[in-house]
């Protein structure tokens, strides 16, 4: 299980995280925010929220947005809490995506940005996100795209040298995970956000299974 390693690594780098990843965060999160708009009244869960940069961006446009952020790393969460300390509608919790301490069907939107490549069990994570998502809610995920040559190189190197890293996926693999977990893809894209990074993004909804009663 990689979660303890992920927690330790991100607690170590928390103080420098925003500075090191500032350009990547600005490009990916501003793209995601524009591409997958969220209604101001929607209750939002941010999975692997890190230092709360998505919350900061969301609140700059919609200051009353109800948001819960979860992450494994206490020191990342402390920074997120400091950024959002003036917003009573925002809260943060230490939690794993594999066991969310949240009520079934309690969120309109579940979002996760640049974290899917750390999840130990991708389908199990998606099922847990689906559990807390309302039946008419939407899932928004952005992650690295292994269809890109540079991302394939990063993936190879990180698997050799980064014990916290699991792997990134092609767009087709990612979509298969979603469909297996019971999501219907509403919108999907790939986007080069810089010379160094190509990401994929998706908006998906829980599949509605309609039961048809046969006449006797």
C-alpha atoms as a PDB file:
ATOM      1  CA  UNK A   1       0.000   0.000   0.000  1.00  0.00           C
ATOM      2  CA  UNK A   2       1.501   3.309  -1.123  1.00  0.00           C
ATOM      3  CA  UNK A   3      -0.599   5.731   0.931  1.00  0.00           C
ATOM      4  CA  UNK A   4       1.834   5.981   3.893  1.00  0.00           C
ATOM      5  CA  UNK A   5       4.643   6.747   1.448  1.00  0.00           C
ATOM      6  CA  UNK A   6       2.538   9.379  -0.330  1.00  0.00           C
ATOM      7  CA  UNK A   7       1.634  10.979   3.015  1.00  0.00           C
ATOM      8  CA  UNK A   8       5.265  11.091   4.156  1.00  0.00           C
ATOM      9  CA  UNK A   9       6.503  12.504   0.849  1.00  0.00           C
ATOM     10  CA  UNK A  10       3.928  15.294   0.672  1.00  0.00           C
ATOM     11  CA  UNK A  11       4.309  16.223   4.329  1.00  0.00           C
ATOM     12  CA  UNK A  12       8.034  16.705   3.612  1.00  0.00           C
ATOM     13  CA  UNK A  13       7.459  18.888   0.557  1.00  0.00           C
ATOM     14  CA  UNK A  14       4.392  20.813   1.793  1.00  0.00           C
ATOM     15  CA  UNK A  15       6.221  24.063   2.553  1.00  0.00           C
ATOM     16  CA  UNK A  16       7.733  24.216  -0.942  1.00  0.00           C
ATOM     17  CA  UNK A  17       4.898  22.644  -2.915  1.00  0.00           C
ATOM     18  CA  UNK A  18       3.124  25.795  -4.138  1.00  0.00           C
ATOM     19  CA  UNK A  19       6.390  27.415  -5.158  1.00  0.00           C
ATOM     20  CA  UNK A  20       7.759  24.384  -7.011  1.00  0.00           C
ATOM     21  CA  UNK A  21       4.508  23.568  -8.830  1.00  0.00           C
ATOM     22  CA  UNK A  22       3.086  27.095  -9.177  1.00  0.00           C
ATOM     23  CA  UNK A  23       3.075  27.246 -12.991  1.00  0.00           C
ATOM     24  CA  UNK A  24       1.719  23.732 -13.404  1.00  0.00           C
ATOM     25  CA  UNK A  25      -1.023  24.348 -10.817  1.00  0.00           C
ATOM     26  CA  UNK A  26      -2.017  27.672 -12.358  1.00  0.00           C
ATOM     27  CA  UNK A  27      -2.293  26.217 -15.861  1.00  0.00           C
ATOM     28  CA  UNK A  28      -4.034  22.946 -15.004  1.00  0.00           C
ATOM     29  CA  UNK A  29      -6.469  24.302 -12.422  1.00  0.00           C
ATOM     30  CA  UNK A  30      -7.457  27.390 -14.426  1.00  0.00           C
ATOM     31  CA  UNK A  31      -8.043  25.130 -17.448  1.00  0.00           C
ATOM     32  CA  UNK A  32     -10.137  22.701 -15.384  1.00  0.00           C
ATOM     33  CA  UNK A  33     -12.150  25.488 -13.762  1.00  0.00           C
ATOM     34  CA  UNK A  34     -13.026  26.961 -17.152  1.00  0.00           C
ATOM     35  CA  UNK A  35     -13.620  23.656 -18.922  1.00  0.00           C
ATOM     36  CA  UNK A  36     -15.817  22.084 -16.225  1.00  0.00           C
ATOM     37  CA  UNK A  37     -17.802  24.915 -14.629  1.00  0.00           C
ATOM     38  CA  UNK A  38     -19.350  24.286 -11.217  1.00  0.00           C
ATOM     39  CA  UNK A  39     -22.627  25.919 -10.161  1.00  0.00           C
ATOM     40  CA  UNK A  40     -22.211  28.276  -7.163  1.00  0.00           C
ATOM     41  CA  UNK A  41     -24.712  26.299  -5.076  1.00  0.00           C
ATOM     42  CA  UNK A  42     -23.181  22.875  -5.751  1.00  0.00           C
ATOM     43  CA  UNK A  43     -21.660  21.046  -2.797  1.00  0.00           C
ATOM     44  CA  UNK A  44     -18.127  20.101  -3.840  1.00  0.00           C
ATOM     45  CA  UNK A  45     -15.732  17.408  -2.636  1.00  0.00           C
ATOM     46  CA  UNK A  46     -12.102  17.878  -3.682  1.00  0.00           C
ATOM     47  CA  UNK A  47     -10.245  14.567  -3.461  1.00  0.00           C
ATOM     48  CA  UNK A  48      -6.502  14.940  -2.809  1.00  0.00           C
ATOM     49  CA  UNK A  49      -6.913  18.695  -2.409  1.00  0.00           C
ATOM     50  CA  UNK A  50      -3.266  19.305  -1.478  1.00  0.00           C
ATOM     51  CA  UNK A  51      -2.628  22.899  -0.411  1.00  0.00           C
ATOM     52  CA  UNK A  52      -6.106  24.073  -1.407  1.00  0.00           C
ATOM     53  CA  UNK A  53      -5.221  25.802  -4.669  1.00  0.00           C
ATOM     54  CA  UNK A  54      -8.406  24.616  -6.392  1.00  0.00           C
ATOM     55  CA  UNK A  55     -10.432  25.875  -3.423  1.00  0.00           C
ATOM     56  CA  UNK A  56      -8.676  29.239  -3.611  1.00  0.00           C
ATOM     57  CA  UNK A  57      -9.469  29.515  -7.328  1.00  0.00           C
ATOM     58  CA  UNK A  58     -13.074  28.397  -6.879  1.00  0.00           C
ATOM     59  CA  UNK A  59     -13.688  30.780  -3.978  1.00  0.00           C
ATOM     60  CA  UNK A  60     -12.196  33.734  -5.853  1.00  0.00           C
ATOM     61  CA  UNK A  61     -15.116  33.379  -8.293  1.00  0.00           C
ATOM     62  CA  UNK A  62     -17.763  31.882  -5.990  1.00  0.00           C
ATOM     63  CA  UNK A  63     -17.006  32.852  -2.354  1.00  0.00           C
ATOM     64  CA  UNK A  64     -20.023  31.036  -0.911  1.00  0.00           C
ATOM     65  CA  UNK A  65     -19.273  27.694  -2.617  1.00  0.00           C
ATOM     66  CA  UNK A  66     -19.719  24.809  -0.131  1.00  0.00           C
ATOM     67  CA  UNK A  67     -16.497  22.771  -0.355  1.00  0.00           C
ATOM     68  CA  UNK A  68     -14.903  19.867   1.510  1.00  0.00           C
ATOM     69  CA  UNK A  69     -11.278  19.027   0.739  1.00  0.00           C
ATOM     70  CA  UNK A  70      -9.651  15.745   1.703  1.00  0.00           C
ATOM     71  CA  UNK A  71      -5.994  14.759   1.582  1.00  0.00           C
ATOM     72  CA  UNK A  72      -3.584  12.284   3.175  1.00  0.00           C
ATOM     73  CA  UNK A  73      -0.933  14.811   4.207  1.00  0.00           C
ATOM     74  CA  UNK A  74      -1.556  16.850   7.363  1.00  0.00           C
ATOM     75  CA  UNK A  75       0.945  19.553   6.445  1.00  0.00           C
ATOM     76  CA  UNK A  76      -0.627  20.099   3.022  1.00  0.00           C
ATOM     77  CA  UNK A  77      -4.026  20.386   4.717  1.00  0.00           C
ATOM     78  CA  UNK A  78      -2.681  22.924   7.210  1.00  0.00           C
ATOM     79  CA  UNK A  79      -1.678  25.193   4.325  1.00  0.00           C
ATOM     80  CA  UNK A  80      -5.072  24.698   2.658  1.00  0.00           C
ATOM     81  CA  UNK A  81      -6.857  25.587   5.893  1.00  0.00           C
ATOM     82  CA  UNK A  82      -4.780  28.746   6.270  1.00  0.00           C
ATOM     83  CA  UNK A  83      -5.632  29.853   2.723  1.00  0.00           C
ATOM     84  CA  UNK A  84      -9.356  29.349   3.295  1.00  0.00           C
ATOM     85  CA  UNK A  85      -9.589  30.436   6.933  1.00  0.00           C
ATOM     86  CA  UNK A  86     -12.013  33.272   6.130  1.00  0.00           C
ATOM     87  CA  UNK A  87     -14.534  30.959   4.445  1.00  0.00           C
ATOM     88  CA  UNK A  88     -16.856  29.149   6.881  1.00  0.00           C
ATOM     89  CA  UNK A  89     -18.341  27.241   3.948  1.00  0.00           C
ATOM     90  CA  UNK A  90     -15.054  25.369   3.389  1.00  0.00           C
ATOM     91  CA  UNK A  91     -13.617  22.549   5.489  1.00  0.00           C
ATOM     92  CA  UNK A  92     -10.745  20.090   5.208  1.00  0.00           C
ATOM     93  CA  UNK A  93     -10.248  16.560   6.511  1.00  0.00           C
ATOM     94  CA  UNK A  94      -7.439  14.047   6.553  1.00  0.00           C
ATOM     95  CA  UNK A  95      -8.805  11.047   4.687  1.00  0.00           C
ATOM     96  CA  UNK A  96      -8.043   8.396   2.092  1.00  0.00           C
ATOM     97  CA  UNK A  97      -9.923   8.160  -1.198  1.00  0.00           C
ATOM     98  CA  UNK A  98     -10.324   4.451  -0.462  1.00  0.00           C
ATOM     99  CA  UNK A  99     -12.357   5.152   2.704  1.00  0.00           C
ATOM    100  CA  UNK A 100     -14.028   8.544   2.619  1.00  0.00           C
ATOM    101  CA  UNK A 101     -15.523   9.479   6.029  1.00  0.00           C
ATOM    102  CA  UNK A 102     -18.524  10.998   4.284  1.00  0.00           C
ATOM    103  CA  UNK A 103     -22.217  10.227   3.904  1.00  0.00           C
ATOM    104  CA  UNK A 104     -23.552   8.456   0.817  1.00  0.00           C
ATOM    105  CA  UNK A 105     -24.870  10.707  -1.956  1.00  0.00           C
ATOM    106  CA  UNK A 106     -23.930  13.932  -0.195  1.00  0.00           C
ATOM    107  CA  UNK A 107     -22.114  15.909  -2.945  1.00  0.00           C
ATOM    108  CA  UNK A 108     -23.213  17.484  -6.206  1.00  0.00           C
ATOM    109  CA  UNK A 109     -19.670  17.474  -7.571  1.00  0.00           C
ATOM    110  CA  UNK A 110     -16.600  15.380  -6.827  1.00  0.00           C
ATOM    111  CA  UNK A 111     -13.383  16.727  -8.315  1.00  0.00           C
ATOM    112  CA  UNK A 112      -9.816  15.442  -8.311  1.00  0.00           C
ATOM    113  CA  UNK A 113      -6.891  17.105 -10.071  1.00  0.00           C
ATOM    114  CA  UNK A 114      -3.471  15.561 -10.742  1.00  0.00           C
ATOM    115  CA  UNK A 115      -3.854  12.812  -8.141  1.00  0.00           C
ATOM    116  CA  UNK A 116      -5.224   9.777  -9.960  1.00  0.00           C
ATOM    117  CA  UNK A 117      -1.711   8.497 -10.729  1.00  0.00           C
ATOM    118  CA  UNK A 118      -1.160   8.022  -6.963  1.00  0.00           C
ATOM    119  CA  UNK A 119      -4.250   5.913  -6.260  1.00  0.00           C
ATOM    120  CA  UNK A 120      -3.444   2.339  -5.220  1.00  0.00           C
ATOM    121  CA  UNK A 121      -6.665   0.915  -6.644  1.00  0.00           C
ATOM    122  CA  UNK A 122      -8.162   3.146  -9.345  1.00  0.00           C
ATOM    123  CA  UNK A 123     -11.524   1.401  -9.661  1.00  0.00           C
ATOM    124  CA  UNK A 124     -11.984   1.163  -5.881  1.00  0.00           C
ATOM    125  CA  UNK A 125     -11.246   4.904  -5.638  1.00  0.00           C
ATOM    126  CA  UNK A 126     -13.810   5.676  -8.331  1.00  0.00           C
ATOM    127  CA  UNK A 127     -16.418   3.509  -6.603  1.00  0.00           C
ATOM    128  CA  UNK A 128     -15.857   5.379  -3.349  1.00  0.00           C
ATOM    129  CA  UNK A 129     -16.184   8.735  -5.117  1.00  0.00           C
ATOM    130  CA  UNK A 130     -19.366   7.442  -6.745  1.00  0.00           C
ATOM    131  CA  UNK A 131     -20.740   6.436  -3.333  1.00  0.00           C
ATOM    132  CA  UNK A 132     -20.619  10.013  -1.999  1.00  0.00           C
ATOM    133  CA  UNK A 133     -21.855  11.552  -5.259  1.00  0.00           C
ATOM    134  CA  UNK A 134     -25.547  12.303  -5.697  1.00  0.00           C
ATOM    135  CA  UNK A 135     -27.306  10.260  -8.363  1.00  0.00           C
ATOM    136  CA  UNK A 136     -27.552  13.352 -10.578  1.00  0.00           C
ATOM    137  CA  UNK A 137     -24.105  14.646  -9.576  1.00  0.00           C
ATOM    138  CA  UNK A 138     -20.960  14.841 -11.663  1.00  0.00           C
ATOM    139  CA  UNK A 139     -17.395  13.631 -11.326  1.00  0.00           C
ATOM    140  CA  UNK A 140     -14.600  15.847 -12.673  1.00  0.00           C
ATOM    141  CA  UNK A 141     -11.096  14.410 -12.936  1.00  0.00           C
ATOM    142  CA  UNK A 142      -7.892  15.758 -14.471  1.00  0.00           C
ATOM    143  CA  UNK A 143      -4.675  13.777 -14.652  1.00  0.00           C
ATOM    144  CA  UNK A 144      -1.554  13.191 -16.717  1.00  0.00           C
ATOM    145  CA  UNK A 145      -2.137  11.509 -20.064  1.00  0.00           C
ATOM    146  CA  UNK A 146       0.097   8.569 -20.927  1.00  0.00           C
ATOM    147  CA  UNK A 147      -0.761   8.916 -24.625  1.00  0.00           C
ATOM    148  CA  UNK A 148       1.757  11.750 -24.614  1.00  0.00           C
ATOM    149  CA  UNK A 149       5.390  10.790 -25.243  1.00  0.00           C
ATOM    150  CA  UNK A 150       6.771  12.968 -22.437  1.00  0.00           C
ATOM    151  CA  UNK A 151       4.214  11.625 -19.960  1.00  0.00           C
ATOM    152  CA  UNK A 152       5.245   8.079 -20.893  1.00  0.00           C
ATOM    153  CA  UNK A 153       8.834   9.064 -20.124  1.00  0.00           C
ATOM    154  CA  UNK A 154       7.856  10.645 -16.786  1.00  0.00           C
ATOM    155  CA  UNK A 155       5.825   7.543 -15.970  1.00  0.00           C
ATOM    156  CA  UNK A 156       8.782   5.242 -16.617  1.00  0.00           C
ATOM    157  CA  UNK A 157      11.225   7.353 -14.600  1.00  0.00           C
ATOM    158  CA  UNK A 158       8.884   7.875 -11.658  1.00  0.00           C
ATOM    159  CA  UNK A 159       8.087   4.177 -11.415  1.00  0.00           C
ATOM    160  CA  UNK A 160      11.821   3.504 -11.083  1.00  0.00           C
ATOM    161  CA  UNK A 161      12.742   6.259  -8.641  1.00  0.00           C
ATOM    162  CA  UNK A 162       9.638   7.527  -6.798  1.00  0.00           C
ATOM    163  CA  UNK A 163       8.281   5.016  -4.255  1.00  0.00           C
ATOM    164  CA  UNK A 164       5.100   7.081  -3.757  1.00  0.00           C
ATOM    165  CA  UNK A 165       4.146   7.035  -7.437  1.00  0.00           C
ATOM    166  CA  UNK A 166       1.881   4.346  -8.914  1.00  0.00           C
ATOM    167  CA  UNK A 167       1.331   5.060 -12.622  1.00  0.00           C
ATOM    168  CA  UNK A 168      -0.489   7.251 -15.111  1.00  0.00           C
ATOM    169  CA  UNK A 169      -2.817   5.952 -17.795  1.00  0.00           C
ATOM    170  CA  UNK A 170      -3.822   6.411 -21.401  1.00  0.00           C
ATOM    171  CA  UNK A 171      -7.120   8.107 -22.069  1.00  0.00           C
ATOM    172  CA  UNK A 172      -8.628   4.781 -23.174  1.00  0.00           C
ATOM    173  CA  UNK A 173      -7.487   3.035 -19.974  1.00  0.00           C
ATOM    174  CA  UNK A 174      -8.875   5.856 -17.860  1.00  0.00           C
ATOM    175  CA  UNK A 175     -12.233   5.756 -19.613  1.00  0.00           C
ATOM    176  CA  UNK A 176     -12.401   1.992 -19.122  1.00  0.00           C
ATOM    177  CA  UNK A 177     -11.880   2.467 -15.380  1.00  0.00           C
ATOM    178  CA  UNK A 178     -14.757   4.960 -15.297  1.00  0.00           C
ATOM    179  CA  UNK A 179     -17.108   2.689 -17.202  1.00  0.00           C
ATOM    180  CA  UNK A 180     -16.189  -0.299 -15.032  1.00  0.00           C
ATOM    181  CA  UNK A 181     -16.944   1.753 -11.922  1.00  0.00           C
ATOM    182  CA  UNK A 182     -20.393   2.652 -13.254  1.00  0.00           C
ATOM    183  CA  UNK A 183     -19.877   6.097 -14.719  1.00  0.00           C
ATOM    184  CA  UNK A 184     -21.137   7.462 -18.004  1.00  0.00           C
ATOM    185  CA  UNK A 185     -18.707   9.866 -19.651  1.00  0.00           C
ATOM    186  CA  UNK A 186     -20.361  13.162 -20.548  1.00  0.00           C
ATOM    187  CA  UNK A 187     -17.358  15.072 -21.853  1.00  0.00           C
ATOM    188  CA  UNK A 188     -13.659  14.309 -22.295  1.00  0.00           C
ATOM    189  CA  UNK A 189     -10.592  16.038 -23.647  1.00  0.00           C
ATOM    190  CA  UNK A 190      -6.823  16.017 -23.829  1.00  0.00           C
ATOM    191  CA  UNK A 191      -4.965  19.292 -23.457  1.00  0.00           C
ATOM    192  CA  UNK A 192      -1.317  20.307 -23.596  1.00  0.00           C
ATOM    193  CA  UNK A 193      -1.003  22.797 -20.757  1.00  0.00           C
ATOM    194  CA  UNK A 194       2.699  23.447 -21.353  1.00  0.00           C
ATOM    195  CA  UNK A 195       5.591  22.121 -23.408  1.00  0.00           C
ATOM    196  CA  UNK A 196       6.263  19.600 -20.659  1.00  0.00           C
ATOM    197  CA  UNK A 197       2.772  18.372 -19.785  1.00  0.00           C
ATOM    198  CA  UNK A 198      -0.283  16.966 -21.498  1.00  0.00           C
ATOM    199  CA  UNK A 199      -3.296  16.231 -19.339  1.00  0.00           C
ATOM    200  CA  UNK A 200      -6.643  14.547 -19.860  1.00  0.00           C
ATOM    201  CA  UNK A 201      -9.892  15.625 -18.265  1.00  0.00           C
ATOM    202  CA  UNK A 202     -13.322  14.093 -17.988  1.00  0.00           C
ATOM    203  CA  UNK A 203     -16.796  14.921 -16.745  1.00  0.00           C
ATOM    204  CA  UNK A 204     -18.780  11.801 -15.879  1.00  0.00           C
ATOM    205  CA  UNK A 205     -22.067  10.958 -14.193  1.00  0.00           C
ATOM    206  CA  UNK A 206     -23.183   7.855 -12.327  1.00  0.00           C
ATOM    207  CA  UNK A 207     -24.841   5.424 -14.693  1.00  0.00           C
ATOM    208  CA  UNK A 208     -28.568   5.269 -14.109  1.00  0.00           C
ATOM    209  CA  UNK A 209     -29.895   1.737 -14.344  1.00  0.00           C
ATOM    210  CA  UNK A 210     -33.542   1.789 -15.217  1.00  0.00           C
ATOM    211  CA  UNK A 211     -35.658  -1.171 -14.205  1.00  0.00           C
ATOM    212  CA  UNK A 212     -38.544  -2.055 -16.470  1.00  0.00           C
ATOM    213  CA  UNK A 213     -41.482  -3.858 -14.930  1.00  0.00           C
ATOM    214  CA  UNK A 214     -42.943  -6.527 -17.138  1.00  0.00           C
ATOM    215  CA  UNK A 215     -46.692  -6.663 -17.354  1.00  0.00           C
ATOM    216  CA  UNK A 216     -48.180  -9.822 -15.890  1.00  0.00           C
END
